[in-house]
C-alpha atoms as a PDB file:
ATOM      1  CA  MET A   1     -17.327  19.281 -16.050  1.00  0.00           C
ATOM      2  CA  HIS A   2     -16.799  20.768 -19.575  1.00  0.00           C
ATOM      3  CA  VAL A   3     -14.934  17.735 -21.248  1.00  0.00           C
ATOM      4  CA  VAL A   4     -15.563  14.461 -19.428  1.00  0.00           C
ATOM      5  CA  PRO A   5     -19.200  14.527 -19.786  1.00  0.00           C
ATOM      6  CA  GLY A   6     -19.035  14.495 -23.546  1.00  0.00           C
ATOM      7  CA  LEU A   7     -16.742  11.590 -23.545  1.00  0.00           C
ATOM      8  CA  LEU A   8     -19.405   9.593 -21.347  1.00  0.00           C
ATOM      9  CA  VAL A   9     -22.421  10.136 -23.816  1.00  0.00           C
ATOM     10  CA  GLY A  10     -23.429   6.768 -25.010  1.00  0.00           C
ATOM     11  CA  LYS A  11     -21.438   4.897 -22.691  1.00  0.00           C
ATOM     12  CA  LYS A  12     -24.174   3.608 -20.267  1.00  0.00           C
ATOM     13  CA  VAL A  13     -22.711   5.431 -17.050  1.00  0.00           C
ATOM     14  CA  ASP A  14     -24.963   5.410 -14.290  1.00  0.00           C
ATOM     15  CA  LEU A  15     -23.110   7.757 -11.932  1.00  0.00           C
ATOM     16  CA  LEU A  16     -20.838  10.704 -12.306  1.00  0.00           C
ATOM     17  CA  LEU A  17     -18.840  11.716  -9.193  1.00  0.00           C
ATOM     18  CA  HIS A  18     -17.352  15.229  -8.912  1.00  0.00           C
ATOM     19  CA  SER A  19     -15.391  15.645  -6.029  1.00  0.00           C
ATOM     20  CA  GLY A  20     -13.535  18.725  -4.595  1.00  0.00           C
ATOM     21  CA  GLY A  21     -13.879  22.404  -3.441  1.00  0.00           C
ATOM     22  CA  PHE A  22     -16.186  24.059  -5.625  1.00  0.00           C
ATOM     23  CA  SER A  23     -18.591  25.832  -3.495  1.00  0.00           C
ATOM     24  CA  GLY A  24     -18.462  29.640  -2.547  1.00  0.00           C
ATOM     25  CA  PRO A  25     -19.881  32.858  -4.009  1.00  0.00           C
ATOM     26  CA  ASN A  26     -19.941  31.116  -7.557  1.00  0.00           C
ATOM     27  CA  PHE A  27     -21.717  27.834  -6.546  1.00  0.00           C
ATOM     28  CA  ASP A  28     -25.081  28.985  -8.100  1.00  0.00           C
ATOM     29  CA  GLY A  29     -23.391  29.689 -11.274  1.00  0.00           C
ATOM     30  CA  PHE A  30     -21.662  26.284 -11.041  1.00  0.00           C
ATOM     31  CA  LEU A  31     -25.106  24.616 -10.475  1.00  0.00           C
ATOM     32  CA  GLN A  32     -26.459  26.660 -13.537  1.00  0.00           C
ATOM     33  CA  LEU A  33     -23.497  25.575 -15.647  1.00  0.00           C
ATOM     34  CA  VAL A  34     -24.417  21.895 -14.918  1.00  0.00           C
ATOM     35  CA  LYS A  35     -27.967  22.419 -15.861  1.00  0.00           C
ATOM     36  CA  ASP A  36     -27.249  24.557 -19.040  1.00  0.00           C
ATOM     37  CA  LEU A  37     -24.759  22.051 -20.241  1.00  0.00           C
ATOM     38  CA  GLY A  38     -27.363  19.323 -19.726  1.00  0.00           C
ATOM     39  CA  ILE A  39     -24.871  17.064 -18.001  1.00  0.00           C
ATOM     40  CA  ALA A  40     -27.166  14.488 -16.397  1.00  0.00           C
ATOM     41  CA  GLU A  41     -29.487  14.428 -19.337  1.00  0.00           C
ATOM     42  CA  ARG A  42     -26.719  14.159 -21.980  1.00  0.00           C
ATOM     43  CA  THR A  43     -24.956  11.430 -20.361  1.00  0.00           C
ATOM     44  CA  GLY A  44     -27.846   9.597 -18.963  1.00  0.00           C
ATOM     45  CA  ALA A  45     -25.998   9.693 -15.323  1.00  0.00           C
ATOM     46  CA  ALA A  46     -26.936  10.726 -12.099  1.00  0.00           C
ATOM     47  CA  ILE A  47     -24.288  13.331 -10.716  1.00  0.00           C
ATOM     48  CA  VAL A  48     -22.819  13.218  -7.100  1.00  0.00           C
ATOM     49  CA  LEU A  49     -21.384  16.387  -6.138  1.00  0.00           C
ATOM     50  CA  ALA A  50     -19.204  15.445  -3.334  1.00  0.00           C
ATOM     51  CA  ASN A  51     -17.529  18.440  -1.265  1.00  0.00           C
ATOM     52  CA  TRP A  52     -15.309  18.452   1.994  1.00  0.00           C
ATOM     53  CA  SER A  53     -17.048  19.336   5.368  1.00  0.00           C
ATOM     54  CA  VAL A  54     -15.868  21.607   8.098  1.00  0.00           C
ATOM     55  CA  GLU A  55     -16.570  21.587  11.775  1.00  0.00           C
ATOM     56  CA  LYS A  56     -16.903  25.553  11.897  1.00  0.00           C
ATOM     57  CA  THR A  57     -16.989  28.196   9.234  1.00  0.00           C
ATOM     58  CA  PRO A  58     -13.524  28.712   8.023  1.00  0.00           C
ATOM     59  CA  TRP A  59     -12.118  31.924   6.514  1.00  0.00           C
ATOM     60  CA  TRP A  60     -11.778  30.460   3.130  1.00  0.00           C
ATOM     61  CA  GLN A  61     -14.631  29.322   0.667  1.00  0.00           C
ATOM     62  CA  GLY A  62     -15.224  26.065  -1.066  1.00  0.00           C
ATOM     63  CA  TRP A  63     -17.032  23.587   1.487  1.00  0.00           C
ATOM     64  CA  GLY A  64     -20.177  22.058   1.985  1.00  0.00           C
ATOM     65  CA  LEU A  65     -23.173  22.019  -0.322  1.00  0.00           C
ATOM     66  CA  SER A  66     -22.899  18.093  -1.343  1.00  0.00           C
ATOM     67  CA  ARG A  67     -25.748  16.679  -3.222  1.00  0.00           C
ATOM     68  CA  VAL A  68     -26.920  14.226  -5.486  1.00  0.00           C
ATOM     69  CA  ILE A  69     -28.455  15.331  -9.025  1.00  0.00           C
ATOM     70  CA  GLY A  70     -30.679  12.781 -10.947  1.00  0.00           C
ATOM     71  CA  ARG A  71     -30.329  11.773 -14.567  1.00  0.00           C
ATOM     72  CA  ASP A  72     -33.134  14.301 -15.433  1.00  0.00           C
ATOM     73  CA  GLY A  73     -31.207  17.196 -13.477  1.00  0.00           C
ATOM     74  CA  THR A  74     -33.525  17.331 -10.417  1.00  0.00           C
ATOM     75  CA  LEU A  75     -32.116  17.519  -7.082  1.00  0.00           C
ATOM     76  CA  LEU A  76     -32.493  13.983  -5.456  1.00  0.00           C
ATOM     77  CA  ALA A  77     -30.664  14.663  -2.016  1.00  0.00           C
ATOM     78  CA  ARG A  78     -28.508  17.355  -0.366  1.00  0.00           C
ATOM     79  CA  ALA A  79     -26.566  17.520   2.958  1.00  0.00           C
ATOM     80  CA  GLU A  80     -29.074  18.645   5.614  1.00  0.00           C
ATOM     81  CA  ASN A  81     -26.185  21.010   7.016  1.00  0.00           C
ATOM     82  CA  ASP A  82     -23.076  22.459   5.259  1.00  0.00           C
ATOM     83  CA  LEU A  83     -21.246  22.273   8.621  1.00  0.00           C
ATOM     84  CA  GLY A  84     -20.093  19.103  10.130  1.00  0.00           C
ATOM     85  CA  ASP A  85     -19.878  15.586   8.662  1.00  0.00           C
ATOM     86  CA  ALA A  86     -22.860  14.335   6.629  1.00  0.00           C
ATOM     87  CA  VAL A  87     -23.992  11.494   4.345  1.00  0.00           C
ATOM     88  CA  VAL A  88     -25.902  12.111   1.287  1.00  0.00           C
ATOM     89  CA  ILE A  89     -28.154   9.164   0.362  1.00  0.00           C
ATOM     90  CA  ALA A  90     -30.288   9.055  -2.661  1.00  0.00           C
ATOM     91  CA  ASP A  91     -32.148   6.152  -4.623  1.00  0.00           C
ATOM     92  CA  VAL A  92     -30.474   6.223  -8.070  1.00  0.00           C
ATOM     93  CA  PRO A  93     -31.834   3.625 -10.349  1.00  0.00           C
ATOM     94  CA  LEU A  94     -29.225   1.851 -12.598  1.00  0.00           C
ATOM     95  CA  ALA A  95     -29.705   1.708 -16.221  1.00  0.00           C
ATOM     96  CA  ALA A  96     -30.505  -1.448 -18.030  1.00  0.00           C
ATOM     97  CA  PRO A  97     -27.364  -3.333 -19.413  1.00  0.00           C
END
């Protein structure tokens, strides 16, 4: 999230997929970093934060909290529940070619 967005500026990217285990006690800090860096605004891309899911709370951290962030940095959609499978759907307009 530090290097790739800078490479995408001006490239007409519509959607940036960030997948992996990133939630936990520092998730609010991660979201603040995404906001502070202005990743959505700088790249002009919506961001899909796709994380793994679990059926019951495990002993480890880093699951759930999947969401879609709009080009302007606003929350468009979020998984309703952090436990169990979920599909997150949001309308993300494509930029003109």
